Amino acid sequence: MLKIALAGAALILFCFASLSSAQEQPAKPPIILLKLDDVGHWLSPRWHRVADYLAEKKIKCSMGVIGEALEKIQPETVDFIHKNRDSGMIEFWLHGWHLRTPKETSGEWESGTEEEQLEKIERGEKLAQEKLGFTFAAFGPHWSATTDETEKALQASPEIRIWLYGPKQPKYFKKLSIPRVMGLENPTFVPDFAKFKDVYEKYGKKQSVLVLQGHPDQWADPDNKRWEGFKQIIDFLQGQGCTFMTPTEYEQSLSAK
């Protein structure tokens, strides 16, 4: 009986130790999808800077192309897109149709029927095929809220499979919707490492995936604080053991499970 009791006690201690060890194991770091917005018909050197920097660090990202910019896209921009897409390091996606200005009081996806919104999506896809030789698999609205009609339009699009900063629980969109948890910038256009780290520690690190929005063309302050803040954030995420993927690569990783 004594041997049985001792064996039972040992088993309890072993189970308790195993449970404690499991509870102490850190959560797996989130997968990071860098969402860099507002690729236009012409690209400033800031876009080349960020692409070269991330390639040097072997970090994948995605860049959103404004649909109407494809109407007058420059050959140098087409070359930039082909070079980085062919490398497998950058995925390009549809960042709405219209480049909204501060004078406009509402975003393009805040009104309109399903048919009207789908027409803009398909216009962007058609131009992408004509000018770039491929269509976009992902969508993210440019400076605009969305409606149920947007969901229906995206669901009806044969090309779009991924919605960046989509609803957490879509009503009509049955494909992959990844909601916003946090961004690269705080406030908009300003990658502030201290603020980013604080939000990441409170909310970000608990997520399985984070879509992080940034605007490289706005990182043009004279003292380079915005650019340095971005690099600090990237170094921090790498130090956390995060994996960087493109949206399509992330979608494929889910289907492989």
Protein backbone atom coordinates (compact mmCIF):
# COMPACT_ATOMS: atom_id res chain seq x y z
CA MET A 1 0.00 0.00 0.00
CA LEU A 2 2.86 2.35 0.85
CA LYS A 3 4.42 1.72 -2.57
CA ILE A 4 1.10 2.45 -4.27
CA ALA A 5 0.65 5.65 -2.29
CA LEU A 6 4.16 6.79 -3.09
CA ALA A 7 3.67 5.97 -6.75
CA GLY A 8 0.39 7.90 -6.76
CA ALA A 9 2.03 10.90 -5.12
CA ALA A 10 4.85 10.80 -7.64
CA LEU A 11 2.36 10.70 -10.50
CA ILE A 12 0.49 13.70 -9.09
CA LEU A 13 3.75 15.64 -8.71
CA PHE A 14 4.76 14.71 -12.28
CA CYS A 15 1.41 15.85 -13.67
CA PHE A 16 1.54 19.09 -11.67
CA ALA A 17 5.07 19.79 -12.88
CA SER A 18 4.05 19.06 -16.48
CA LEU A 19 1.03 21.35 -16.18
CA SER A 20 3.12 24.13 -14.67
CA SER A 21 5.71 23.72 -17.41
CA ALA A 22 3.01 23.90 -20.10
CA GLN A 23 1.48 27.00 -18.52
CA GLU A 24 4.87 28.69 -18.46
CA GLN A 25 5.48 28.07 -22.17
CA PRO A 26 5.17 31.37 -24.06
CA ALA A 27 2.47 31.67 -26.71
CA LYS A 28 3.63 31.26 -30.29
CA PRO A 29 4.46 34.69 -31.75
CA PRO A 30 1.93 36.01 -34.26
CA ILE A 31 2.41 35.76 -37.99
CA ILE A 32 2.97 39.25 -39.41
CA LEU A 33 1.43 40.50 -42.65
CA LEU A 34 2.96 43.88 -43.48
CA LYS A 35 0.32 45.95 -45.29
CA LEU A 36 2.04 48.91 -46.95
CA ASP A 37 -0.48 51.24 -48.54
CA ASP A 38 -0.84 53.63 -51.47
CA VAL A 39 1.30 52.44 -54.38
CA GLY A 40 0.54 54.94 -57.14
CA HIS A 41 1.47 55.38 -60.78
CA TRP A 42 4.87 56.81 -59.79
CA LEU A 43 6.99 55.74 -56.81
CA SER A 44 9.22 57.97 -54.70
CA PRO A 45 12.62 56.70 -53.51
CA ARG A 46 10.96 55.89 -50.17
CA TRP A 47 9.24 52.87 -51.75
CA HIS A 48 12.54 51.58 -53.09
CA ARG A 49 14.13 52.15 -49.69
CA VAL A 50 11.59 50.03 -47.84
CA ALA A 51 11.62 47.26 -50.47
CA ASP A 52 15.42 47.05 -50.42
CA TYR A 53 15.56 47.13 -46.63
CA LEU A 54 13.04 44.32 -46.19
CA ALA A 55 14.69 42.23 -48.92
CA GLU A 56 18.03 42.61 -47.16
CA LYS A 57 16.46 41.34 -43.95
CA LYS A 58 14.64 38.55 -45.85
CA ILE A 59 11.26 39.85 -44.72
CA LYS A 60 8.15 39.39 -46.86
CA CYS A 61 5.49 42.07 -47.14
CA SER A 62 2.56 43.25 -49.23
CA MET A 63 1.87 46.56 -50.98
CA GLY A 64 -1.52 47.98 -51.92
CA VAL A 65 -1.96 49.43 -55.41
CA ILE A 66 -4.53 52.19 -56.02
CA GLY A 67 -6.67 50.92 -58.90
CA GLU A 68 -7.01 54.15 -60.86
CA ALA A 69 -3.22 54.66 -60.72
CA LEU A 70 -2.92 51.75 -63.14
CA GLU A 71 -4.44 53.94 -65.87
CA LYS A 72 -1.25 56.02 -66.05
CA ILE A 73 1.27 53.77 -64.36
CA GLN A 74 4.89 54.55 -65.24
CA PRO A 75 7.22 51.91 -66.76
CA GLU A 76 9.56 52.29 -63.77
CA THR A 77 6.71 51.40 -61.42
CA VAL A 78 5.79 48.37 -63.51
CA ASP A 79 9.44 47.25 -63.34
CA PHE A 80 9.45 47.72 -59.56
CA ILE A 81 6.31 45.62 -59.20
CA HIS A 82 7.55 42.82 -61.46
CA LYS A 83 10.98 42.68 -59.84
CA ASN A 84 9.64 42.42 -56.30
CA ARG A 85 6.72 40.13 -57.13
CA ASP A 86 8.95 37.75 -59.06
CA SER A 87 11.32 37.55 -56.10
CA GLY A 88 8.47 36.16 -53.97
CA MET A 89 9.14 38.78 -51.30
CA ILE A 90 6.28 41.19 -52.03
CA GLU A 91 2.64 40.57 -52.89
CA PHE A 92 0.69 43.39 -54.52
CA TRP A 93 -3.02 43.79 -53.82
CA LEU A 94 -5.94 46.04 -54.75
CA HIS A 95 -6.12 49.09 -52.48
CA GLY A 96 -9.48 50.32 -53.69
CA TRP A 97 -10.06 52.25 -56.89
CA HIS A 98 -9.92 55.95 -56.06
CA LEU A 99 -7.17 57.88 -54.24
CA ARG A 100 -9.24 59.91 -51.79
CA THR A 101 -8.16 63.46 -50.98
CA PRO A 102 -8.65 65.36 -47.68
CA LYS A 103 -11.35 67.49 -49.38
CA GLU A 104 -13.59 64.44 -49.88
CA THR A 105 -15.93 63.91 -46.94
CA SER A 106 -16.59 60.19 -47.45
CA GLY A 107 -14.82 57.10 -48.70
CA GLU A 108 -15.66 55.31 -51.93
CA TRP A 109 -16.85 52.11 -50.23
CA GLU A 110 -19.29 53.85 -47.86
CA SER A 111 -22.07 54.05 -50.45
CA GLY A 112 -23.18 52.34 -53.64
CA THR A 113 -24.87 49.07 -54.51
CA GLU A 114 -23.17 45.70 -54.76
CA GLU A 115 -23.12 46.05 -58.53
CA GLU A 116 -21.58 49.53 -58.41
CA GLN A 117 -18.88 48.47 -55.98
CA LEU A 118 -18.14 45.26 -57.87
CA GLU A 119 -17.71 47.30 -61.05
CA LYS A 120 -14.86 49.28 -59.42
CA ILE A 121 -13.20 46.09 -58.17
CA GLU A 122 -13.41 44.48 -61.59
CA ARG A 123 -12.12 47.66 -63.27
CA GLY A 124 -9.02 47.45 -61.06
CA GLU A 125 -8.57 43.74 -61.77
CA LYS A 126 -8.92 44.26 -65.53
CA LEU A 127 -6.31 47.02 -65.53
CA ALA A 128 -3.96 44.92 -63.40
CA GLN A 129 -4.16 42.13 -65.95
CA GLU A 130 -3.58 44.54 -68.84
CA LYS A 131 -0.78 46.61 -67.29
CA LEU A 132 0.92 44.12 -64.97
CA GLY A 133 0.06 40.71 -66.35
CA PHE A 134 -1.66 39.39 -63.22
CA THR A 135 -4.72 40.01 -61.06
CA PHE A 136 -4.94 40.78 -57.35
CA ALA A 137 -5.94 38.09 -54.84
CA ALA A 138 -6.29 40.48 -51.89
CA PHE A 139 -8.21 43.69 -51.25
CA GLY A 140 -8.04 46.45 -48.66
CA PRO A 141 -10.05 49.70 -48.85
CA HIS A 142 -8.24 53.00 -49.17
CA TRP A 143 -9.31 55.46 -46.43
CA SER A 144 -12.90 54.29 -46.32
CA ALA A 145 -15.35 52.36 -44.22
CA THR A 146 -17.26 49.55 -45.93
CA THR A 147 -20.87 48.37 -46.05
CA ASP A 148 -22.78 45.14 -46.51
CA GLU A 149 -22.73 45.93 -50.23
CA THR A 150 -18.93 45.89 -50.15
CA GLU A 151 -19.01 42.43 -48.61
CA LYS A 152 -21.37 41.20 -51.30
CA ALA A 153 -19.24 42.73 -54.05
CA LEU A 154 -16.04 41.16 -52.73
CA GLN A 155 -17.77 37.81 -52.36
CA ALA A 156 -18.92 38.06 -55.98
CA SER A 157 -15.42 38.89 -57.25
CA PRO A 158 -13.80 35.76 -58.69
CA GLU A 159 -10.31 37.20 -58.16
CA ILE A 160 -10.49 38.42 -54.54
CA ARG A 161 -9.93 35.74 -51.91
CA ILE A 162 -8.47 37.79 -49.03
CA TRP A 163 -9.79 40.92 -47.30
CA LEU A 164 -7.15 42.86 -45.36
CA TYR A 165 -8.71 44.77 -42.47
CA GLY A 166 -12.02 43.07 -43.18
CA PRO A 167 -14.78 42.40 -40.64
CA LYS A 168 -14.05 40.03 -37.79
CA GLN A 169 -17.33 38.24 -38.46
CA PRO A 170 -18.44 38.96 -42.04
CA LYS A 171 -22.07 38.44 -42.94
CA TYR A 172 -21.68 37.90 -46.68
CA PHE A 173 -17.96 37.49 -47.38
CA LYS A 174 -17.18 33.77 -47.03
CA LYS A 175 -13.52 33.88 -47.96
CA LEU A 176 -10.56 34.98 -45.76
CA SER A 177 -11.22 38.18 -43.80
CA ILE A 178 -8.46 39.40 -41.45
CA PRO A 179 -9.53 42.19 -39.08
CA ARG A 180 -7.49 45.12 -37.79
CA VAL A 181 -6.00 44.74 -34.32
CA MET A 182 -3.24 47.35 -34.51
CA GLY A 183 -1.08 49.12 -37.08
CA LEU A 184 2.54 49.99 -37.62
CA GLU A 185 1.81 53.67 -37.10
CA ASN A 186 0.53 55.62 -34.10
CA PRO A 187 -0.76 58.13 -35.06
CA THR A 188 -1.31 57.49 -38.78
CA PHE A 189 1.90 58.01 -40.82
CA VAL A 190 4.13 57.87 -37.71
CA PRO A 191 5.86 54.56 -36.81
CA ASP A 192 6.50 55.21 -33.11
CA PHE A 193 8.34 52.24 -31.60
CA ALA A 194 7.46 52.94 -27.96
CA LYS A 195 3.74 53.20 -28.72
CA PHE A 196 3.87 50.17 -31.00
CA LYS A 197 5.57 48.03 -28.36
CA ASP A 198 3.02 49.04 -25.73
CA VAL A 199 0.05 48.06 -27.91
CA TYR A 200 1.79 44.88 -29.07
CA GLU A 201 2.43 43.75 -25.49
CA LYS A 202 -1.19 44.45 -24.48
CA TYR A 203 -3.00 43.06 -27.51
CA GLY A 204 -0.81 42.12 -30.45
CA LYS A 205 1.19 39.25 -29.04
CA LYS A 206 -2.01 37.37 -28.14
CA GLN A 207 -3.06 37.15 -31.80
CA SER A 208 -2.30 34.32 -34.22
CA VAL A 209 -1.87 36.82 -37.06
CA LEU A 210 -1.38 40.59 -37.24
CA VAL A 211 -1.95 42.74 -40.31
CA LEU A 212 0.19 45.84 -39.78
CA GLN A 213 -0.62 48.87 -41.92
CA GLY A 214 1.96 51.50 -42.84
CA HIS A 215 2.43 54.28 -45.40
CA PRO A 216 6.06 54.33 -46.61
CA ASP A 217 5.64 57.42 -48.77
CA GLN A 218 4.74 59.41 -45.65
CA TRP A 219 7.95 58.50 -43.82
CA ALA A 220 9.63 61.62 -45.13
CA ASP A 221 10.29 63.72 -42.03
CA PRO A 222 13.62 65.64 -42.16
CA ASP A 223 15.13 63.96 -39.10
CA ASN A 224 14.20 60.44 -40.32
CA LYS A 225 12.42 59.56 -37.07
CA ARG A 226 9.60 57.80 -38.88
CA TRP A 227 11.98 55.62 -40.89
CA GLU A 228 14.04 54.80 -37.81
CA GLY A 229 10.84 53.98 -35.91
CA PHE A 230 9.84 51.55 -38.65
CA LYS A 231 13.22 49.81 -38.51
CA GLN A 232 13.00 49.54 -34.71
CA ILE A 233 9.59 47.92 -35.02
CA ILE A 234 10.87 45.40 -37.57
CA ASP A 235 13.88 44.56 -35.39
CA PHE A 236 11.58 44.12 -32.39
CA LEU A 237 9.22 41.76 -34.24
CA GLN A 238 12.12 39.70 -35.51
CA GLY A 239 13.44 39.54 -31.97
CA GLN A 240 10.05 38.23 -30.83
CA GLY A 241 10.38 35.35 -33.28
CA CYS A 242 7.55 36.50 -35.55
CA THR A 243 7.19 35.00 -39.02
CA PHE A 244 6.53 37.42 -41.89
CA MET A 245 4.30 36.24 -44.73
CA THR A 246 2.48 37.61 -47.76
CA PRO A 247 -1.34 37.46 -47.60
CA THR A 248 -1.55 34.61 -50.11
CA GLU A 249 1.18 32.68 -48.33
CA TYR A 250 -0.78 33.02 -45.09
CA GLU A 251 -3.97 31.87 -46.82
CA GLN A 252 -2.14 28.80 -48.13
CA SER A 253 -0.74 28.04 -44.68
CA LEU A 254 -4.31 27.84 -43.33
CA SER A 255 -5.47 25.47 -46.04
CA ALA A 256 -2.46 23.24 -45.39
CA LYS A 257 -3.49 22.64 -41.77
